[in-house]
Amino acid sequence: GRFRYGGEDCTVPLNFGDHPHSLHGFGWTAAWTVAKAGEDRVLLV
């Protein structure tokens, strides 16, 4: 859950139980908003 970017030390949450690394980003554990929806398609934000 650590990296350096733009000259700064950055940390992100360890988000998978006792797994030692941060995994898969933030979108997969977040609620997405429906921006548009149709019969055969949808736009999520």
PDB file of all heavy atoms in Angstrom:
ATOM      1  N   GLY A   1       0.795  -1.221   0.000  1.00  0.00           N
ATOM      2  CA  GLY A   1       0.000   0.000   0.000  1.00  0.00           C
ATOM      3  C   GLY A   1       0.829   1.274   0.000  1.00  0.00           C
ATOM      4  O   GLY A   1       0.332   2.338   0.407  1.00  0.00           O
ATOM      5  N   ARG A   2       2.075   1.194  -0.492  1.00  0.00           N
ATOM      6  CA  ARG A   2       2.952   2.366  -0.462  1.00  0.00           C
ATOM      7  C   ARG A   2       3.616   2.564  -1.826  1.00  0.00           C
ATOM      8  O   ARG A   2       3.949   1.602  -2.516  1.00  0.00           O
ATOM      9  CB  ARG A   2       4.038   2.201   0.603  1.00  0.00           C
ATOM     10  CG  ARG A   2       3.513   2.037   2.018  1.00  0.00           C
ATOM     11  CD  ARG A   2       4.655   2.134   3.025  1.00  0.00           C
ATOM     12  NE  ARG A   2       5.673   1.108   2.817  1.00  0.00           N
ATOM     13  CZ  ARG A   2       5.683  -0.066   3.442  1.00  0.00           C
ATOM     14  NH1 ARG A   2       4.719  -0.361   4.305  1.00  0.00           N
ATOM     15  NH2 ARG A   2       6.654  -0.939   3.211  1.00  0.00           N
ATOM     16  N   PHE A   3       3.828   3.830  -2.188  1.00  0.00           N
ATOM     17  CA  PHE A   3       4.569   4.162  -3.398  1.00  0.00           C
ATOM     18  C   PHE A   3       5.000   5.622  -3.323  1.00  0.00           C
ATOM     19  O   PHE A   3       4.537   6.380  -2.473  1.00  0.00           O
ATOM     20  CB  PHE A   3       3.738   3.912  -4.663  1.00  0.00           C
ATOM     21  CG  PHE A   3       2.478   4.724  -4.763  1.00  0.00           C
ATOM     22  CD1 PHE A   3       2.446   5.930  -5.467  1.00  0.00           C
ATOM     23  CD2 PHE A   3       1.298   4.283  -4.168  1.00  0.00           C
ATOM     24  CE1 PHE A   3       1.282   6.675  -5.573  1.00  0.00           C
ATOM     25  CE2 PHE A   3       0.121   5.027  -4.275  1.00  0.00           C
ATOM     26  CZ  PHE A   3       0.119   6.221  -4.971  1.00  0.00           C
ATOM     27  N   ARG A   4       5.887   5.993  -4.212  1.00  0.00           N
ATOM     28  CA  ARG A   4       6.353   7.375  -4.293  1.00  0.00           C
ATOM     29  C   ARG A   4       5.970   7.936  -5.650  1.00  0.00           C
ATOM     30  O   ARG A   4       6.206   7.317  -6.691  1.00  0.00           O
ATOM     31  CB  ARG A   4       7.871   7.436  -4.084  1.00  0.00           C
ATOM     32  CG  ARG A   4       8.417   8.854  -3.949  1.00  0.00           C
ATOM     33  CD  ARG A   4       9.852   8.867  -3.441  1.00  0.00           C
ATOM     34  NE  ARG A   4      10.398  10.221  -3.344  1.00  0.00           N
ATOM     35  CZ  ARG A   4      10.162  11.055  -2.338  1.00  0.00           C
ATOM     36  NH1 ARG A   4       9.404  10.653  -1.314  1.00  0.00           N
ATOM     37  NH2 ARG A   4      10.676  12.271  -2.335  1.00  0.00           N
ATOM     38  N   TYR A   5       5.378   9.127  -5.642  1.00  0.00           N
ATOM     39  CA  TYR A   5       4.918   9.739  -6.894  1.00  0.00           C
ATOM     40  C   TYR A   5       5.019  11.249  -6.768  1.00  0.00           C
ATOM     41  O   TYR A   5       4.594  11.839  -5.757  1.00  0.00           O
ATOM     42  CB  TYR A   5       3.466   9.347  -7.186  1.00  0.00           C
ATOM     43  CG  TYR A   5       2.941   9.898  -8.492  1.00  0.00           C
ATOM     44  CD1 TYR A   5       3.255   9.291  -9.705  1.00  0.00           C
ATOM     45  CD2 TYR A   5       2.153  11.041  -8.514  1.00  0.00           C
ATOM     46  CE1 TYR A   5       2.804   9.801 -10.902  1.00  0.00           C
ATOM     47  CE2 TYR A   5       1.681  11.557  -9.712  1.00  0.00           C
ATOM     48  CZ  TYR A   5       2.010  10.933 -10.908  1.00  0.00           C
ATOM     49  OH  TYR A   5       1.554  11.442 -12.097  1.00  0.00           O
ATOM     50  N   GLY A   6       5.567  11.879  -7.797  1.00  0.00           N
ATOM     51  CA  GLY A   6       5.688  13.332  -7.800  1.00  0.00           C
ATOM     52  C   GLY A   6       6.514  13.872  -6.650  1.00  0.00           C
ATOM     53  O   GLY A   6       6.263  14.973  -6.159  1.00  0.00           O
ATOM     54  N   GLY A   7       7.518  13.081  -6.233  1.00  0.00           N
ATOM     55  CA  GLY A   7       8.369  13.517  -5.141  1.00  0.00           C
ATOM     56  C   GLY A   7       7.769  13.372  -3.760  1.00  0.00           C
ATOM     57  O   GLY A   7       8.363  13.829  -2.775  1.00  0.00           O
ATOM     58  N   GLU A   8       6.614  12.701  -3.669  1.00  0.00           N
ATOM     59  CA  GLU A   8       5.941  12.532  -2.379  1.00  0.00           C
ATOM     60  C   GLU A   8       5.760  11.053  -2.070  1.00  0.00           C
ATOM     61  O   GLU A   8       5.569  10.226  -2.961  1.00  0.00           O
ATOM     62  CB  GLU A   8       4.573  13.219  -2.395  1.00  0.00           C
ATOM     63  CG  GLU A   8       4.625  14.719  -2.628  1.00  0.00           C
ATOM     64  CD  GLU A   8       3.234  15.338  -2.631  1.00  0.00           C
ATOM     65  OE1 GLU A   8       2.253  14.594  -2.385  1.00  0.00           O
ATOM     66  OE2 GLU A   8       3.129  16.554  -2.883  1.00  0.00           O
ATOM     67  N   ASP A   9       5.825  10.718  -0.779  1.00  0.00           N
ATOM     68  CA  ASP A   9       5.504   9.370  -0.320  1.00  0.00           C
ATOM     69  C   ASP A   9       3.991   9.249  -0.170  1.00  0.00           C
ATOM     70  O   ASP A   9       3.359  10.065   0.519  1.00  0.00           O
ATOM     71  CB  ASP A   9       6.188   9.081   1.014  1.00  0.00           C
ATOM     72  CG  ASP A   9       7.695   8.985   0.882  1.00  0.00           C
ATOM     73  OD1 ASP A   9       8.163   8.465  -0.138  1.00  0.00           O
ATOM     74  OD2 ASP A   9       8.410   9.464   1.792  1.00  0.00           O
ATOM     75  N   CYS A  10       3.422   8.235  -0.810  1.00  0.00           N
ATOM     76  CA  CYS A  10       1.966   8.064  -0.822  1.00  0.00           C
ATOM     77  C   CYS A  10       1.607   6.707  -0.203  1.00  0.00           C
ATOM     78  O   CYS A  10       2.351   5.733  -0.334  1.00  0.00           O
ATOM     79  CB  CYS A  10       1.431   8.115  -2.254  1.00  0.00           C
ATOM     80  SG  CYS A  10       1.869   9.610  -3.173  1.00  0.00           S
ATOM     81  N   THR A  11       0.468   6.665   0.445  1.00  0.00           N
ATOM     82  CA  THR A  11      -0.051   5.404   0.985  1.00  0.00           C
ATOM     83  C   THR A  11      -1.512   5.270   0.602  1.00  0.00           C
ATOM     84  O   THR A  11      -2.236   6.266   0.466  1.00  0.00           O
ATOM     85  CB  THR A  11       0.068   5.342   2.518  1.00  0.00           C
ATOM     86  OG1 THR A  11      -0.681   6.409   3.108  1.00  0.00           O
ATOM     87  CG2 THR A  11       1.526   5.443   2.959  1.00  0.00           C
ATOM     88  N   VAL A  12      -1.933   4.023   0.396  1.00  0.00           N
ATOM     89  CA  VAL A  12      -3.338   3.701   0.140  1.00  0.00           C
ATOM     90  C   VAL A  12      -3.736   2.588   1.101  1.00  0.00           C
ATOM     91  O   VAL A  12      -2.888   1.825   1.573  1.00  0.00           O
ATOM     92  CB  VAL A  12      -3.574   3.275  -1.329  1.00  0.00           C
ATOM     93  CG1 VAL A  12      -3.436   4.462  -2.267  1.00  0.00           C
ATOM     94  CG2 VAL A  12      -2.602   2.178  -1.737  1.00  0.00           C
ATOM     95  N   PRO A  13      -5.016   2.479   1.432  1.00  0.00           N
ATOM     96  CA  PRO A  13      -5.443   1.492   2.428  1.00  0.00           C
ATOM     97  C   PRO A  13      -5.177   0.054   1.989  1.00  0.00           C
ATOM     98  O   PRO A  13      -5.258  -0.280   0.810  1.00  0.00           O
ATOM     99  CB  PRO A  13      -6.951   1.755   2.545  1.00  0.00           C
ATOM    100  CG  PRO A  13      -7.154   3.137   2.037  1.00  0.00           C
ATOM    101  CD  PRO A  13      -6.130   3.327   0.972  1.00  0.00           C
ATOM    102  N   LEU A  14      -4.841  -0.792   2.960  1.00  0.00           N
ATOM    103  CA  LEU A  14      -4.804  -2.231   2.735  1.00  0.00           C
ATOM    104  C   LEU A  14      -6.246  -2.709   2.830  1.00  0.00           C
ATOM    105  O   LEU A  14      -6.831  -2.738   3.911  1.00  0.00           O
ATOM    106  CB  LEU A  14      -3.908  -2.915   3.779  1.00  0.00           C
ATOM    107  CG  LEU A  14      -2.462  -2.409   3.827  1.00  0.00           C
ATOM    108  CD1 LEU A  14      -1.667  -3.182   4.865  1.00  0.00           C
ATOM    109  CD2 LEU A  14      -1.787  -2.495   2.460  1.00  0.00           C
ATOM    110  N   ASN A  15      -6.826  -3.053   1.692  1.00  0.00           N
ATOM    111  CA  ASN A  15      -8.277  -3.168   1.565  1.00  0.00           C
ATOM    112  C   ASN A  15      -8.778  -4.588   1.355  1.00  0.00           C
ATOM    113  O   ASN A  15      -9.879  -4.791   0.836  1.00  0.00           O
ATOM    114  CB  ASN A  15      -8.756  -2.292   0.394  1.00  0.00           C
ATOM    115  CG  ASN A  15      -8.095  -2.683  -0.932  1.00  0.00           C
ATOM    116  OD1 ASN A  15      -7.175  -3.491  -0.969  1.00  0.00           O
ATOM    117  ND2 ASN A  15      -8.576  -2.103  -2.018  1.00  0.00           N
ATOM    118  N   PHE A  16      -7.966  -5.587   1.755  1.00  0.00           N
ATOM    119  CA  PHE A  16      -8.367  -6.963   1.461  1.00  0.00           C
ATOM    120  C   PHE A  16      -8.025  -7.859   2.644  1.00  0.00           C
ATOM    121  O   PHE A  16      -7.188  -8.750   2.551  1.00  0.00           O
ATOM    122  CB  PHE A  16      -7.670  -7.444   0.180  1.00  0.00           C
ATOM    123  CG  PHE A  16      -8.273  -8.679  -0.428  1.00  0.00           C
ATOM    124  CD1 PHE A  16      -9.588  -8.695  -0.865  1.00  0.00           C
ATOM    125  CD2 PHE A  16      -7.522  -9.836  -0.570  1.00  0.00           C
ATOM    126  CE1 PHE A  16     -10.139  -9.842  -1.426  1.00  0.00           C
ATOM    127  CE2 PHE A  16      -8.060 -10.984  -1.134  1.00  0.00           C
ATOM    128  CZ  PHE A  16      -9.374 -10.991  -1.559  1.00  0.00           C
ATOM    129  N   GLY A  17      -8.669  -7.621   3.752  1.00  0.00           N
ATOM    130  CA  GLY A  17      -8.457  -8.432   4.945  1.00  0.00           C
ATOM    131  C   GLY A  17      -7.019  -8.366   5.413  1.00  0.00           C
ATOM    132  O   GLY A  17      -6.450  -7.275   5.561  1.00  0.00           O
ATOM    133  N   ASP A  18      -6.382  -9.536   5.634  1.00  0.00           N
ATOM    134  CA  ASP A  18      -5.002  -9.563   6.092  1.00  0.00           C
ATOM    135  C   ASP A  18      -3.996  -9.626   4.948  1.00  0.00           C
ATOM    136  O   ASP A  18      -2.807  -9.857   5.168  1.00  0.00           O
ATOM    137  CB  ASP A  18      -4.781 -10.740   7.053  1.00  0.00           C
ATOM    138  CG  ASP A  18      -5.080 -12.098   6.400  1.00  0.00           C
ATOM    139  OD1 ASP A  18      -5.478 -12.117   5.214  1.00  0.00           O
ATOM    140  OD2 ASP A  18      -4.928 -13.118   7.096  1.00  0.00           O
ATOM    141  N   HIS A  19      -4.465  -9.414   3.712  1.00  0.00           N
ATOM    142  CA  HIS A  19      -3.561  -9.367   2.568  1.00  0.00           C
ATOM    143  C   HIS A  19      -2.588  -8.204   2.750  1.00  0.00           C
ATOM    144  O   HIS A  19      -3.001  -7.102   3.115  1.00  0.00           O
ATOM    145  CB  HIS A  19      -4.365  -9.194   1.282  1.00  0.00           C
ATOM    146  CG  HIS A  19      -3.570  -9.380   0.029  1.00  0.00           C
ATOM    147  ND1 HIS A  19      -3.111 -10.600  -0.392  1.00  0.00           N
ATOM    148  CD2 HIS A  19      -3.150  -8.481  -0.906  1.00  0.00           C
ATOM    149  CE1 HIS A  19      -2.449 -10.460  -1.532  1.00  0.00           C
ATOM    150  NE2 HIS A  19      -2.453  -9.191  -1.854  1.00  0.00           N
ATOM    151  N   PRO A  20      -1.284  -8.397   2.493  1.00  0.00           N
ATOM    152  CA  PRO A  20      -0.298  -7.349   2.798  1.00  0.00           C
ATOM    153  C   PRO A  20      -0.251  -6.197   1.807  1.00  0.00           C
ATOM    154  O   PRO A  20       0.461  -5.217   2.045  1.00  0.00           O
ATOM    155  CB  PRO A  20       1.030  -8.111   2.794  1.00  0.00           C
ATOM    156  CG  PRO A  20       0.809  -9.243   1.834  1.00  0.00           C
ATOM    157  CD  PRO A  20      -0.635  -9.649   2.054  1.00  0.00           C
ATOM    158  N   HIS A  21      -1.002  -6.288   0.710  1.00  0.00           N
ATOM    159  CA  HIS A  21      -0.941  -5.265  -0.322  1.00  0.00           C
ATOM    160  C   HIS A  21      -2.330  -4.635  -0.532  1.00  0.00           C
ATOM    161  O   HIS A  21      -3.355  -5.232  -0.215  1.00  0.00           O
ATOM    162  CB  HIS A  21      -0.456  -5.862  -1.641  1.00  0.00           C
ATOM    163  CG  HIS A  21       0.776  -6.696  -1.520  1.00  0.00           C
ATOM    164  ND1 HIS A  21       1.941  -6.226  -0.978  1.00  0.00           N
ATOM    165  CD2 HIS A  21       1.015  -8.001  -1.863  1.00  0.00           C
ATOM    166  CE1 HIS A  21       2.852  -7.177  -0.981  1.00  0.00           C
ATOM    167  NE2 HIS A  21       2.313  -8.273  -1.512  1.00  0.00           N
ATOM    168  N   SER A  22      -2.312  -3.444  -1.100  1.00  0.00           N
ATOM    169  CA  SER A  22      -3.565  -2.824  -1.527  1.00  0.00           C
ATOM    170  C   SER A  22      -3.954  -3.423  -2.874  1.00  0.00           C
ATOM    171  O   SER A  22      -3.105  -3.647  -3.733  1.00  0.00           O
ATOM    172  CB  SER A  22      -3.389  -1.308  -1.642  1.00  0.00           C
ATOM    173  OG  SER A  22      -4.605  -0.685  -1.959  1.00  0.00           O
ATOM    174  N   LEU A  23      -5.253  -3.674  -3.062  1.00  0.00           N
ATOM    175  CA  LEU A  23      -5.684  -4.500  -4.191  1.00  0.00           C
ATOM    176  C   LEU A  23      -6.798  -3.845  -5.004  1.00  0.00           C
ATOM    177  O   LEU A  23      -7.792  -3.365  -4.453  1.00  0.00           O
ATOM    178  CB  LEU A  23      -6.166  -5.852  -3.656  1.00  0.00           C
ATOM    179  CG  LEU A  23      -6.321  -7.011  -4.632  1.00  0.00           C
ATOM    180  CD1 LEU A  23      -4.961  -7.409  -5.202  1.00  0.00           C
ATOM    181  CD2 LEU A  23      -6.943  -8.209  -3.925  1.00  0.00           C
ATOM    182  N   HIS A  24      -6.608  -3.785  -6.316  1.00  0.00           N
ATOM    183  CA  HIS A  24      -7.671  -3.547  -7.301  1.00  0.00           C
ATOM    184  C   HIS A  24      -8.250  -2.133  -7.335  1.00  0.00           C
ATOM    185  O   HIS A  24      -9.245  -1.895  -8.028  1.00  0.00           O
ATOM    186  CB  HIS A  24      -8.819  -4.539  -7.100  1.00  0.00           C
ATOM    187  CG  HIS A  24      -8.484  -5.946  -7.456  1.00  0.00           C
ATOM    188  ND1 HIS A  24      -7.491  -6.271  -8.364  1.00  0.00           N
ATOM    189  CD2 HIS A  24      -8.996  -7.129  -7.018  1.00  0.00           C
ATOM    190  CE1 HIS A  24      -7.412  -7.577  -8.475  1.00  0.00           C
ATOM    191  NE2 HIS A  24      -8.294  -8.128  -7.671  1.00  0.00           N
ATOM    192  N   GLY A  25      -7.712  -1.177  -6.610  1.00  0.00           N
ATOM    193  CA  GLY A  25      -8.229   0.176  -6.683  1.00  0.00           C
ATOM    194  C   GLY A  25      -9.333   0.442  -5.685  1.00  0.00           C
ATOM    195  O   GLY A  25      -9.498  -0.268  -4.691  1.00  0.00           O
ATOM    196  N   PHE A  26     -10.122   1.481  -5.965  1.00  0.00           N
ATOM    197  CA  PHE A  26     -11.196   1.897  -5.062  1.00  0.00           C
ATOM    198  C   PHE A  26     -12.586   1.679  -5.643  1.00  0.00           C
ATOM    199  O   PHE A  26     -13.569   1.570  -4.915  1.00  0.00           O
ATOM    200  CB  PHE A  26     -11.042   3.386  -4.713  1.00  0.00           C
ATOM    201  CG  PHE A  26      -9.687   3.748  -4.181  1.00  0.00           C
ATOM    202  CD1 PHE A  26      -8.906   4.696  -4.817  1.00  0.00           C
ATOM    203  CD2 PHE A  26      -9.177   3.114  -3.057  1.00  0.00           C
ATOM    204  CE1 PHE A  26      -7.654   5.031  -4.335  1.00  0.00           C
ATOM    205  CE2 PHE A  26      -7.926   3.435  -2.562  1.00  0.00           C
ATOM    206  CZ  PHE A  26      -7.161   4.401  -3.205  1.00  0.00           C
ATOM    207  N   GLY A  27     -12.679   1.623  -6.971  1.00  0.00           N
ATOM    208  CA  GLY A  27     -13.989   1.523  -7.606  1.00  0.00           C
ATOM    209  C   GLY A  27     -14.739   0.258  -7.246  1.00  0.00           C
ATOM    210  O   GLY A  27     -15.972   0.266  -7.152  1.00  0.00           O
ATOM    211  N   TRP A  28     -14.020  -0.840  -7.038  1.00  0.00           N
ATOM    212  CA  TRP A  28     -14.690  -2.133  -6.817  1.00  0.00           C
ATOM    213  C   TRP A  28     -15.356  -2.240  -5.452  1.00  0.00           C
ATOM    214  O   TRP A  28     -16.203  -3.102  -5.246  1.00  0.00           O
ATOM    215  CB  TRP A  28     -13.717  -3.286  -7.056  1.00  0.00           C
ATOM    216  CG  TRP A  28     -12.663  -3.468  -5.994  1.00  0.00           C
ATOM    217  CD1 TRP A  28     -11.743  -2.542  -5.600  1.00  0.00           C
ATOM    218  CD2 TRP A  28     -12.429  -4.637  -5.233  1.00  0.00           C
ATOM    219  NE1 TRP A  28     -10.935  -3.080  -4.631  1.00  0.00           N
ATOM    220  CE2 TRP A  28     -11.325  -4.364  -4.386  1.00  0.00           C
ATOM    221  CE3 TRP A  28     -13.016  -5.908  -5.189  1.00  0.00           C
ATOM    222  CZ2 TRP A  28     -10.812  -5.298  -3.492  1.00  0.00           C
ATOM    223  CZ3 TRP A  28     -12.501  -6.833  -4.296  1.00  0.00           C
ATOM    224  CH2 TRP A  28     -11.414  -6.533  -3.460  1.00  0.00           C
ATOM    225  N   THR A  29     -14.984  -1.379  -4.511  1.00  0.00           N
ATOM    226  CA  THR A  29     -15.623  -1.392  -3.198  1.00  0.00           C
ATOM    227  C   THR A  29     -16.492  -0.160  -2.979  1.00  0.00           C
ATOM    228  O   THR A  29     -16.971   0.065  -1.859  1.00  0.00           O
ATOM    229  CB  THR A  29     -14.563  -1.479  -2.082  1.00  0.00           C
ATOM    230  OG1 THR A  29     -13.631  -0.394  -2.211  1.00  0.00           O
ATOM    231  CG2 THR A  29     -13.813  -2.797  -2.165  1.00  0.00           C
ATOM    232  N   ALA A  30     -16.703   0.640  -4.021  1.00  0.00           N
ATOM    233  CA  ALA A  30     -17.489   1.865  -3.912  1.00  0.00           C
ATOM    234  C   ALA A  30     -18.872   1.687  -4.535  1.00  0.00           C
ATOM    235  O   ALA A  30     -19.095   0.801  -5.355  1.00  0.00           O
ATOM    236  CB  ALA A  30     -16.756   3.017  -4.606  1.00  0.00           C
ATOM    237  N   ALA A  31     -19.775   2.545  -4.127  1.00  0.00           N
ATOM    238  CA  ALA A  31     -21.083   2.618  -4.774  1.00  0.00           C
ATOM    239  C   ALA A  31     -20.984   3.553  -5.975  1.00  0.00           C
ATOM    240  O   ALA A  31     -20.490   4.676  -5.856  1.00  0.00           O
ATOM    241  CB  ALA A  31     -22.129   3.126  -3.793  1.00  0.00           C
ATOM    242  N   TRP A  32     -21.419   3.080  -7.135  1.00  0.00           N
ATOM    243  CA  TRP A  32     -21.419   3.883  -8.351  1.00  0.00           C
ATOM    244  C   TRP A  32     -22.803   4.491  -8.561  1.00  0.00           C
ATOM    245  O   TRP A  32     -23.815   3.900  -8.186  1.00  0.00           O
ATOM    246  CB  TRP A  32     -21.042   3.037  -9.565  1.00  0.00           C
ATOM    247  CG  TRP A  32     -19.616   2.559  -9.568  1.00  0.00           C
ATOM    248  CD1 TRP A  32     -19.011   1.799  -8.614  1.00  0.00           C
ATOM    249  CD2 TRP A  32     -18.631   2.800 -10.575  1.00  0.00           C
ATOM    250  NE1 TRP A  32     -17.712   1.553  -8.965  1.00  0.00           N
ATOM    251  CE2 TRP A  32     -17.443   2.148 -10.169  1.00  0.00           C
ATOM    252  CE3 TRP A  32     -18.631   3.484 -11.782  1.00  0.00           C
ATOM    253  CZ2 TRP A  32     -16.267   2.172 -10.923  1.00  0.00           C
ATOM    254  CZ3 TRP A  32     -17.466   3.504 -12.554  1.00  0.00           C
ATOM    255  CH2 TRP A  32     -16.305   2.867 -12.118  1.00  0.00           C
ATOM    256  N   THR A  33     -22.828   5.660  -9.170  1.00  0.00           N
ATOM    257  CA  THR A  33     -24.075   6.365  -9.460  1.00  0.00           C
ATOM    258  C   THR A  33     -24.517   6.073 -10.896  1.00  0.00           C
ATOM    259  O   THR A  33     -23.690   6.004 -11.805  1.00  0.00           O
ATOM    260  CB  THR A  33     -23.886   7.884  -9.303  1.00  0.00           C
ATOM    261  OG1 THR A  33     -23.461   8.168  -7.973  1.00  0.00           O
ATOM    262  CG2 THR A  33     -25.182   8.628  -9.576  1.00  0.00           C
ATOM    263  N   VAL A  34     -25.815   5.896 -11.079  1.00  0.00           N
ATOM    264  CA  VAL A  34     -26.360   5.686 -12.422  1.00  0.00           C
ATOM    265  C   VAL A  34     -26.575   7.049 -13.072  1.00  0.00           C
ATOM    266  O   VAL A  34     -27.408   7.838 -12.631  1.00  0.00           O
ATOM    267  CB  VAL A  34     -27.684   4.903 -12.369  1.00  0.00           C
ATOM    268  CG1 VAL A  34     -28.242   4.721 -13.777  1.00  0.00           C
ATOM    269  CG2 VAL A  34     -27.482   3.561 -11.691  1.00  0.00           C
ATOM    270  N   ALA A  35     -25.816   7.339 -14.133  1.00  0.00           N
ATOM    271  CA  ALA A  35     -25.957   8.610 -14.847  1.00  0.00           C
ATOM    272  C   ALA A  35     -26.994   8.515 -15.953  1.00  0.00           C
ATOM    273  O   ALA A  35     -27.772   9.450 -16.177  1.00  0.00           O
ATOM    274  CB  ALA A  35     -24.612   9.041 -15.426  1.00  0.00           C
ATOM    275  N   LYS A  36     -27.009   7.372 -16.680  1.00  0.00           N
ATOM    276  CA  LYS A  36     -27.992   7.129 -17.735  1.00  0.00           C
ATOM    277  C   LYS A  36     -28.288   5.639 -17.756  1.00  0.00           C
ATOM    278  O   LYS A  36     -27.427   4.823 -17.460  1.00  0.00           O
ATOM    279  CB  LYS A  36     -27.458   7.559 -19.114  1.00  0.00           C
ATOM    280  CG  LYS A  36     -27.206   9.046 -19.277  1.00  0.00           C
ATOM    281  CD  LYS A  36     -26.691   9.331 -20.686  1.00  0.00           C
ATOM    282  CE  LYS A  36     -26.378  10.812 -20.872  1.00  0.00           C
ATOM    283  NZ  LYS A  36     -25.836  11.093 -22.242  1.00  0.00           N
ATOM    284  N   ALA A  37     -29.508   5.309 -18.136  1.00  0.00           N
ATOM    285  CA  ALA A  37     -29.876   3.896 -18.239  1.00  0.00           C
ATOM    286  C   ALA A  37     -30.901   3.711 -19.349  1.00  0.00           C
ATOM    287  O   ALA A  37     -31.825   4.521 -19.494  1.00  0.00           O
ATOM    288  CB  ALA A  37     -30.433   3.374 -16.923  1.00  0.00           C
ATOM    289  N   GLY A  38     -30.713   2.682 -20.149  1.00  0.00           N
ATOM    290  CA  GLY A  38     -31.650   2.333 -21.202  1.00  0.00           C
ATOM    291  C   GLY A  38     -31.947   0.853 -21.158  1.00  0.00           C
ATOM    292  O   GLY A  38     -31.529   0.141 -20.243  1.00  0.00           O
ATOM    293  N   GLU A  39     -32.645   0.382 -22.160  1.00  0.00           N
ATOM    294  CA  GLU A  39     -33.046  -1.026 -22.198  1.00  0.00           C
ATOM    295  C   GLU A  39     -31.861  -1.971 -22.265  1.00  0.00           C
ATOM    296  O   GLU A  39     -31.872  -3.032 -21.633  1.00  0.00           O
ATOM    297  CB  GLU A  39     -33.958  -1.260 -23.401  1.00  0.00           C
ATOM    298  CG  GLU A  39     -34.486  -2.674 -23.512  1.00  0.00           C
ATOM    299  CD  GLU A  39     -35.456  -2.829 -24.670  1.00  0.00           C
ATOM    300  OE1 GLU A  39     -36.249  -1.893 -24.913  1.00  0.00           O
ATOM    301  OE2 GLU A  39     -35.418  -3.884 -25.335  1.00  0.00           O
ATOM    302  N   ASP A  40     -30.806  -1.565 -23.024  1.00  0.00           N
ATOM    303  CA  ASP A  40     -29.673  -2.469 -23.217  1.00  0.00           C
ATOM    304  C   ASP A  40     -28.335  -1.830 -22.866  1.00  0.00           C
ATOM    305  O   ASP A  40     -27.288  -2.353 -23.222  1.00  0.00           O
ATOM    306  CB  ASP A  40     -29.632  -2.986 -24.649  1.00  0.00           C
ATOM    307  CG  ASP A  40     -29.476  -1.864 -25.680  1.00  0.00           C
ATOM    308  OD1 ASP A  40     -29.454  -0.676 -25.282  1.00  0.00           O
ATOM    309  OD2 ASP A  40     -29.376  -2.182 -26.878  1.00  0.00           O
ATOM    310  N   ARG A  41     -28.367  -0.699 -22.136  1.00  0.00           N
ATOM    311  CA  ARG A  41     -27.105  -0.035 -21.791  1.00  0.00           C
ATOM    312  C   ARG A  41     -27.268   0.817 -20.542  1.00  0.00           C
ATOM    313  O   ARG A  41     -28.378   1.218 -20.172  1.00  0.00           O
ATOM    314  CB  ARG A  41     -26.600   0.809 -22.950  1.00  0.00           C
ATOM    315  CG  ARG A  41     -27.510   1.965 -23.338  1.00  0.00           C
ATOM    316  CD  ARG A  41     -27.138   2.486 -24.708  1.00  0.00           C
ATOM    317  NE  ARG A  41     -27.273   1.449 -25.720  1.00  0.00           N
ATOM    318  CZ  ARG A  41     -26.457   1.325 -26.752  1.00  0.00           C
ATOM    319  NH1 ARG A  41     -25.445   2.163 -26.922  1.00  0.00           N
ATOM    320  NH2 ARG A  41     -26.635   0.348 -27.632  1.00  0.00           N
ATOM    321  N   VAL A  42     -26.125   1.098 -19.887  1.00  0.00           N
ATOM    322  CA  VAL A  42     -26.146   1.919 -18.693  1.00  0.00           C
ATOM    323  C   VAL A  42     -24.796   2.628 -18.571  1.00  0.00           C
ATOM    324  O   VAL A  42     -23.759   2.105 -18.994  1.00  0.00           O
ATOM    325  CB  VAL A  42     -26.436   1.069 -17.430  1.00  0.00           C
ATOM    326  CG1 VAL A  42     -25.318   0.056 -17.179  1.00  0.00           C
ATOM    327  CG2 VAL A  42     -26.646   1.940 -16.206  1.00  0.00           C
ATOM    328  N   LEU A  43     -24.818   3.831 -18.021  1.00  0.00           N
ATOM    329  CA  LEU A  43     -23.612   4.600 -17.736  1.00  0.00           C
ATOM    330  C   LEU A  43     -23.519   4.799 -16.233  1.00  0.00           C
ATOM    331  O   LEU A  43     -24.426   5.363 -15.614  1.00  0.00           O
ATOM    332  CB  LEU A  43     -23.644   5.959 -18.452  1.00  0.00           C
ATOM    333  CG  LEU A  43     -22.535   6.953 -18.078  1.00  0.00           C
ATOM    334  CD1 LEU A  43     -21.157   6.391 -18.445  1.00  0.00           C
ATOM    335  CD2 LEU A  43     -22.760   8.302 -18.739  1.00  0.00           C
ATOM    336  N   LEU A  44     -22.416   4.329 -15.638  1.00  0.00           N
ATOM    337  CA  LEU A  44     -22.185   4.440 -14.196  1.00  0.00           C
ATOM    338  C   LEU A  44     -21.027   5.397 -13.940  1.00  0.00           C
ATOM    339  O   LEU A  44     -20.092   5.495 -14.737  1.00  0.00           O
ATOM    340  CB  LEU A  44     -21.851   3.076 -13.597  1.00  0.00           C
ATOM    341  CG  LEU A  44     -22.845   1.941 -13.844  1.00  0.00           C
ATOM    342  CD1 LEU A  44     -22.341   0.665 -13.187  1.00  0.00           C
ATOM    343  CD2 LEU A  44     -24.230   2.300 -13.328  1.00  0.00           C
ATOM    344  N   VAL A  45     -21.089   6.095 -12.791  1.00  0.00           N
ATOM    345  CA  VAL A  45     -20.063   7.080 -12.444  1.00  0.00           C
ATOM    346  C   VAL A  45     -19.569   6.830 -11.025  1.00  0.00           C
ATOM    347  O   VAL A  45     -20.356   6.548 -10.116  1.00  0.00           O
ATOM    348  CB  VAL A  45     -20.622   8.519 -12.556  1.00  0.00           C
ATOM    349  CG1 VAL A  45     -19.593   9.533 -12.077  1.00  0.00           C
ATOM    350  CG2 VAL A  45     -21.031   8.821 -13.993  1.00  0.00           C
TER     351      VAL A  45
END
